[in-house]
Amino acid sequence: MSRTILIAEDSASIRKFITIALKMAGYIVIDAVDGMDALEKMSGQEIDLVVTDLNMPNIDGYKLIKTIRENPKNADLPIIILTSLNTERDIREAMDAGANSYLIKPFNDKKILYEISKYLN
């Protein structure tokens, strides 16, 4: 059975790159343009993992993570941060919100696939 990954990323080019890499690896991908879109698309869906940027309009990645974690059924849902923000404060705040991993842009498909495999394989 294929696993479903939700990507929340406001950059269309990065979102497309991740989507293509994940689909080629056999994952089902749901993409969202920001945190608000991600929460709407999660409603009623079985999601196995979330990949999110932090800097997004409407609802940013920090608020997205906190909102996901408010639902007890998402307590074990893996959340991977993929962002250009790389200060200790950013990392600490994201991890405190409930992220499982923190990847810094730029990245390549092997790096993100490896990180996902730690949670889904």
N, C-alpha and C. Protein backbone atom coordinates (compact mmCIF):
# COMPACT_ATOMS: atom_id res chain seq x y z
N MET A 1 0.83 -1.18 0.00
CA MET A 1 0.00 0.00 0.00
C MET A 1 0.88 1.25 0.00
N SER A 2 0.55 2.19 -0.87
CA SER A 2 1.32 3.42 -0.95
C SER A 2 1.03 4.32 0.23
N ARG A 3 2.03 5.04 0.64
CA ARG A 3 1.91 5.98 1.75
C ARG A 3 1.61 7.37 1.19
N THR A 4 0.85 8.16 1.93
CA THR A 4 0.45 9.49 1.49
C THR A 4 1.22 10.55 2.26
N ILE A 5 1.82 11.46 1.50
CA ILE A 5 2.60 12.54 2.07
C ILE A 5 1.97 13.87 1.68
N LEU A 6 1.80 14.73 2.67
CA LEU A 6 1.30 16.08 2.44
C LEU A 6 2.48 17.03 2.42
N ILE A 7 2.56 17.84 1.38
CA ILE A 7 3.62 18.84 1.26
C ILE A 7 2.99 20.22 1.38
N ALA A 8 3.46 21.02 2.33
CA ALA A 8 3.02 22.41 2.46
C ALA A 8 4.21 23.31 2.14
N GLU A 9 4.15 23.95 0.99
CA GLU A 9 5.28 24.74 0.49
C GLU A 9 4.73 25.83 -0.43
N ASP A 10 5.05 27.09 -0.14
CA ASP A 10 4.52 28.17 -0.95
C ASP A 10 5.26 28.39 -2.26
N SER A 11 6.46 27.88 -2.40
CA SER A 11 7.21 28.00 -3.66
C SER A 11 6.75 26.91 -4.62
N ALA A 12 6.14 27.33 -5.74
CA ALA A 12 5.62 26.37 -6.71
C ALA A 12 6.73 25.47 -7.27
N SER A 13 7.92 26.02 -7.51
CA SER A 13 8.99 25.21 -8.09
C SER A 13 9.50 24.16 -7.10
N ILE A 14 9.64 24.53 -5.85
CA ILE A 14 10.09 23.56 -4.84
C ILE A 14 9.02 22.50 -4.61
N ARG A 15 7.77 22.94 -4.54
CA ARG A 15 6.66 22.00 -4.35
C ARG A 15 6.61 20.98 -5.49
N LYS A 16 6.80 21.47 -6.72
CA LYS A 16 6.78 20.57 -7.89
C LYS A 16 7.96 19.60 -7.84
N PHE A 17 9.15 20.08 -7.50
CA PHE A 17 10.33 19.22 -7.41
C PHE A 17 10.11 18.11 -6.39
N ILE A 18 9.62 18.47 -5.20
CA ILE A 18 9.38 17.46 -4.16
C ILE A 18 8.31 16.47 -4.61
N THR A 19 7.24 16.99 -5.20
CA THR A 19 6.15 16.14 -5.66
C THR A 19 6.64 15.11 -6.67
N ILE A 20 7.40 15.55 -7.63
CA ILE A 20 7.92 14.62 -8.66
C ILE A 20 8.82 13.56 -8.02
N ALA A 21 9.72 13.98 -7.14
CA ALA A 21 10.64 13.03 -6.49
C ALA A 21 9.87 12.00 -5.67
N LEU A 22 8.87 12.44 -4.94
CA LEU A 22 8.11 11.52 -4.09
C LEU A 22 7.23 10.58 -4.92
N LYS A 23 6.62 11.10 -5.96
CA LYS A 23 5.80 10.23 -6.82
C LYS A 23 6.67 9.18 -7.50
N MET A 24 7.87 9.57 -7.94
CA MET A 24 8.78 8.61 -8.57
C MET A 24 9.21 7.53 -7.58
N ALA A 25 9.21 7.87 -6.29
CA ALA A 25 9.57 6.91 -5.25
C ALA A 25 8.36 6.07 -4.81
N GLY A 26 7.20 6.32 -5.42
CA GLY A 26 6.02 5.51 -5.14
C GLY A 26 5.05 6.05 -4.11
N TYR A 27 5.26 7.28 -3.67
CA TYR A 27 4.37 7.87 -2.68
C TYR A 27 3.19 8.57 -3.36
N ILE A 28 2.08 8.64 -2.65
CA ILE A 28 0.96 9.47 -3.05
C ILE A 28 1.23 10.84 -2.44
N VAL A 29 1.06 11.89 -3.23
CA VAL A 29 1.40 13.24 -2.76
C VAL A 29 0.18 14.15 -2.83
N ILE A 30 -0.05 14.85 -1.75
CA ILE A 30 -1.04 15.92 -1.70
C ILE A 30 -0.25 17.18 -1.46
N ASP A 31 -0.41 18.17 -2.36
CA ASP A 31 0.38 19.38 -2.18
C ASP A 31 -0.51 20.55 -1.78
N ALA A 32 0.05 21.41 -0.95
CA ALA A 32 -0.66 22.57 -0.42
C ALA A 32 0.23 23.80 -0.56
N VAL A 33 -0.40 24.95 -0.84
CA VAL A 33 0.35 26.18 -1.08
C VAL A 33 0.72 26.93 0.20
N ASP A 34 0.11 26.56 1.32
CA ASP A 34 0.43 27.17 2.61
C ASP A 34 -0.21 26.33 3.71
N GLY A 35 -0.06 26.78 4.95
CA GLY A 35 -0.58 26.02 6.08
C GLY A 35 -2.10 25.91 6.08
N MET A 36 -2.78 26.96 5.68
CA MET A 36 -4.24 26.93 5.65
C MET A 36 -4.72 25.88 4.63
N ASP A 37 -4.13 25.90 3.47
CA ASP A 37 -4.46 24.93 2.43
C ASP A 37 -4.15 23.51 2.91
N ALA A 38 -3.04 23.35 3.61
CA ALA A 38 -2.65 22.03 4.13
C ALA A 38 -3.69 21.50 5.11
N LEU A 39 -4.14 22.35 6.03
CA LEU A 39 -5.13 21.91 7.01
C LEU A 39 -6.45 21.54 6.34
N GLU A 40 -6.84 22.29 5.32
CA GLU A 40 -8.06 21.97 4.58
C GLU A 40 -7.92 20.63 3.87
N LYS A 41 -6.76 20.38 3.28
CA LYS A 41 -6.55 19.14 2.53
C LYS A 41 -6.37 17.94 3.45
N MET A 42 -5.95 18.17 4.68
CA MET A 42 -5.81 17.08 5.65
C MET A 42 -7.16 16.58 6.15
N SER A 43 -8.14 17.44 6.12
CA SER A 43 -9.46 17.11 6.66
C SER A 43 -10.05 15.90 5.93
N GLY A 44 -10.26 14.83 6.67
CA GLY A 44 -10.85 13.63 6.10
C GLY A 44 -9.89 12.75 5.33
N GLN A 45 -8.62 13.10 5.30
CA GLN A 45 -7.60 12.32 4.57
C GLN A 45 -6.74 11.54 5.54
N GLU A 46 -6.28 10.39 5.11
CA GLU A 46 -5.27 9.64 5.87
C GLU A 46 -3.91 10.10 5.37
N ILE A 47 -3.19 10.81 6.22
CA ILE A 47 -1.86 11.32 5.88
C ILE A 47 -0.84 10.54 6.69
N ASP A 48 0.22 10.07 6.03
CA ASP A 48 1.26 9.30 6.72
C ASP A 48 2.45 10.14 7.16
N LEU A 49 2.64 11.30 6.52
CA LEU A 49 3.78 12.15 6.84
C LEU A 49 3.52 13.53 6.25
N VAL A 50 4.04 14.56 6.92
CA VAL A 50 3.92 15.94 6.44
C VAL A 50 5.31 16.50 6.24
N VAL A 51 5.50 17.19 5.10
CA VAL A 51 6.71 17.96 4.83
C VAL A 51 6.24 19.41 4.72
N THR A 52 6.79 20.29 5.53
CA THR A 52 6.35 21.68 5.50
C THR A 52 7.49 22.68 5.56
N ASP A 53 7.28 23.77 4.86
CA ASP A 53 8.13 24.94 4.98
C ASP A 53 7.71 25.67 6.25
N LEU A 54 8.50 26.59 6.71
CA LEU A 54 8.12 27.40 7.88
C LEU A 54 7.58 28.76 7.46
N ASN A 55 8.23 29.39 6.49
CA ASN A 55 7.83 30.71 6.03
C ASN A 55 6.80 30.58 4.92
N MET A 56 5.51 30.74 5.28
CA MET A 56 4.43 30.66 4.30
C MET A 56 3.37 31.70 4.66
N PRO A 57 2.61 32.14 3.66
CA PRO A 57 1.52 33.08 3.95
C PRO A 57 0.35 32.38 4.65
N ASN A 58 -0.57 33.17 5.13
CA ASN A 58 -1.79 32.71 5.80
C ASN A 58 -1.49 31.99 7.11
N ILE A 59 -1.16 30.73 7.05
CA ILE A 59 -0.74 29.99 8.25
C ILE A 59 0.68 29.50 7.99
N ASP A 60 1.63 29.92 8.84
CA ASP A 60 3.02 29.50 8.63
C ASP A 60 3.24 28.08 9.16
N GLY A 61 4.43 27.58 8.96
CA GLY A 61 4.75 26.22 9.35
C GLY A 61 4.67 25.96 10.84
N TYR A 62 5.05 26.94 11.65
CA TYR A 62 4.98 26.77 13.10
C TYR A 62 3.54 26.54 13.55
N LYS A 63 2.64 27.39 13.06
CA LYS A 63 1.22 27.29 13.42
C LYS A 63 0.62 26.00 12.84
N LEU A 64 1.05 25.62 11.64
CA LEU A 64 0.57 24.38 11.03
C LEU A 64 0.92 23.19 11.92
N ILE A 65 2.16 23.13 12.37
CA ILE A 65 2.60 22.02 13.22
C ILE A 65 1.79 21.98 14.51
N LYS A 66 1.67 23.14 15.15
CA LYS A 66 0.92 23.21 16.42
C LYS A 66 -0.53 22.77 16.22
N THR A 67 -1.15 23.20 15.13
CA THR A 67 -2.53 22.83 14.86
C THR A 67 -2.66 21.33 14.59
N ILE A 68 -1.73 20.78 13.85
CA ILE A 68 -1.74 19.33 13.59
C ILE A 68 -1.63 18.57 14.90
N ARG A 69 -0.72 19.00 15.76
CA ARG A 69 -0.47 18.30 17.03
C ARG A 69 -1.62 18.45 18.03
N GLU A 70 -2.49 19.44 17.85
CA GLU A 70 -3.64 19.61 18.75
C GLU A 70 -4.61 18.43 18.65
N ASN A 71 -4.62 17.77 17.51
CA ASN A 71 -5.50 16.61 17.31
C ASN A 71 -4.78 15.36 17.80
N PRO A 72 -5.33 14.68 18.82
CA PRO A 72 -4.66 13.50 19.38
C PRO A 72 -4.36 12.40 18.35
N LYS A 73 -5.16 12.31 17.30
CA LYS A 73 -4.89 11.26 16.30
C LYS A 73 -3.62 11.55 15.50
N ASN A 74 -3.13 12.78 15.58
CA ASN A 74 -1.90 13.15 14.87
C ASN A 74 -0.66 13.16 15.77
N ALA A 75 -0.79 12.60 16.95
CA ALA A 75 0.32 12.63 17.91
C ALA A 75 1.58 11.97 17.35
N ASP A 76 1.42 10.92 16.56
CA ASP A 76 2.57 10.20 16.02
C ASP A 76 2.83 10.49 14.55
N LEU A 77 2.12 11.45 13.97
CA LEU A 77 2.31 11.79 12.56
C LEU A 77 3.67 12.45 12.38
N PRO A 78 4.55 11.85 11.57
CA PRO A 78 5.87 12.47 11.36
C PRO A 78 5.75 13.78 10.60
N ILE A 79 6.45 14.80 11.07
CA ILE A 79 6.47 16.10 10.42
C ILE A 79 7.92 16.49 10.18
N ILE A 80 8.24 16.73 8.91
CA ILE A 80 9.59 17.13 8.51
C ILE A 80 9.55 18.58 8.05
N ILE A 81 10.43 19.38 8.62
CA ILE A 81 10.58 20.78 8.21
C ILE A 81 11.58 20.82 7.06
N LEU A 82 11.24 21.60 6.04
CA LEU A 82 12.15 21.85 4.92
C LEU A 82 12.13 23.35 4.68
N THR A 83 13.18 24.04 5.11
CA THR A 83 13.16 25.50 5.12
C THR A 83 14.54 26.09 4.89
N SER A 84 14.56 27.37 4.57
CA SER A 84 15.83 28.09 4.46
C SER A 84 16.20 28.75 5.79
N LEU A 85 15.28 28.75 6.75
CA LEU A 85 15.56 29.31 8.08
C LEU A 85 16.49 28.36 8.84
N ASN A 86 17.63 28.86 9.27
CA ASN A 86 18.58 27.94 9.90
C ASN A 86 19.22 28.48 11.17
N THR A 87 18.51 29.33 11.89
CA THR A 87 19.06 29.78 13.18
C THR A 87 18.68 28.77 14.26
N GLU A 88 19.42 28.79 15.33
CA GLU A 88 19.11 27.91 16.47
C GLU A 88 17.70 28.16 16.98
N ARG A 89 17.29 29.43 16.99
CA ARG A 89 15.94 29.79 17.45
C ARG A 89 14.87 29.14 16.56
N ASP A 90 15.06 29.22 15.24
CA ASP A 90 14.09 28.63 14.31
C ASP A 90 13.99 27.13 14.53
N ILE A 91 15.13 26.49 14.63
CA ILE A 91 15.15 25.04 14.82
C ILE A 91 14.48 24.66 16.13
N ARG A 92 14.83 25.34 17.20
CA ARG A 92 14.25 25.05 18.52
C ARG A 92 12.74 25.27 18.51
N GLU A 93 12.30 26.37 17.92
CA GLU A 93 10.87 26.68 17.89
C GLU A 93 10.08 25.63 17.10
N ALA A 94 10.63 25.19 15.98
CA ALA A 94 9.96 24.16 15.17
C ALA A 94 9.92 22.82 15.91
N MET A 95 11.00 22.47 16.54
CA MET A 95 11.04 21.19 17.26
C MET A 95 10.12 21.25 18.49
N ASP A 96 10.10 22.39 19.17
CA ASP A 96 9.20 22.56 20.31
C ASP A 96 7.73 22.49 19.89
N ALA A 97 7.44 22.95 18.67
CA ALA A 97 6.07 22.90 18.16
C ALA A 97 5.62 21.48 17.86
N GLY A 98 6.61 20.58 17.62
CA GLY A 98 6.26 19.19 17.38
C GLY A 98 6.84 18.57 16.12
N ALA A 99 7.78 19.26 15.47
CA ALA A 99 8.42 18.69 14.29
C ALA A 99 9.32 17.53 14.69
N ASN A 100 9.49 16.57 13.78
CA ASN A 100 10.36 15.43 14.03
C ASN A 100 11.75 15.61 13.45
N SER A 101 11.83 16.30 12.31
CA SER A 101 13.11 16.51 11.62
C SER A 101 13.15 17.91 11.05
N TYR A 102 14.37 18.39 10.83
CA TYR A 102 14.57 19.75 10.33
C TYR A 102 15.62 19.71 9.24
N LEU A 103 15.20 19.95 8.00
CA LEU A 103 16.12 19.98 6.86
C LEU A 103 16.23 21.41 6.35
N ILE A 104 17.43 21.80 5.99
CA ILE A 104 17.67 23.17 5.53
C ILE A 104 17.89 23.17 4.02
N LYS A 105 17.21 24.10 3.35
CA LYS A 105 17.39 24.31 1.91
C LYS A 105 18.75 24.96 1.70
N PRO A 106 19.42 24.69 0.61
CA PRO A 106 19.00 23.81 -0.48
C PRO A 106 19.13 22.34 -0.10
N PHE A 107 18.43 21.52 -0.83
CA PHE A 107 18.40 20.09 -0.56
C PHE A 107 18.37 19.37 -1.90
N ASN A 108 18.48 18.05 -1.84
CA ASN A 108 18.30 17.27 -3.07
C ASN A 108 17.31 16.16 -2.78
N ASP A 109 16.88 15.49 -3.82
CA ASP A 109 15.86 14.46 -3.66
C ASP A 109 16.33 13.30 -2.78
N LYS A 110 17.59 12.95 -2.87
CA LYS A 110 18.11 11.85 -2.04
C LYS A 110 18.02 12.18 -0.56
N LYS A 111 18.32 13.42 -0.22
CA LYS A 111 18.29 13.84 1.18
C LYS A 111 16.87 13.77 1.75
N ILE A 112 15.91 14.26 1.01
CA ILE A 112 14.54 14.24 1.53
C ILE A 112 13.96 12.83 1.52
N LEU A 113 14.29 12.04 0.51
CA LEU A 113 13.81 10.65 0.48
C LEU A 113 14.41 9.85 1.62
N TYR A 114 15.66 10.09 1.93
CA TYR A 114 16.29 9.41 3.06
C TYR A 114 15.58 9.77 4.36
N GLU A 115 15.30 11.05 4.54
CA GLU A 115 14.65 11.51 5.77
C GLU A 115 13.25 10.90 5.90
N ILE A 116 12.52 10.87 4.81
CA ILE A 116 11.17 10.27 4.82
C ILE A 116 11.26 8.78 5.13
N SER A 117 12.23 8.11 4.56
CA SER A 117 12.35 6.66 4.77
C SER A 117 12.59 6.31 6.25
N LYS A 118 13.16 7.23 7.00
CA LYS A 118 13.37 6.99 8.43
C LYS A 118 12.04 6.83 9.18
N TYR A 119 10.99 7.43 8.64
CA TYR A 119 9.69 7.38 9.30
C TYR A 119 8.69 6.44 8.65
N LEU A 120 8.84 6.17 7.37
CA LEU A 120 7.82 5.39 6.66
C LEU A 120 8.26 3.99 6.24
N ASN A 121 9.52 3.66 6.40
CA ASN A 121 9.96 2.32 5.97
C ASN A 121 10.40 1.47 7.14
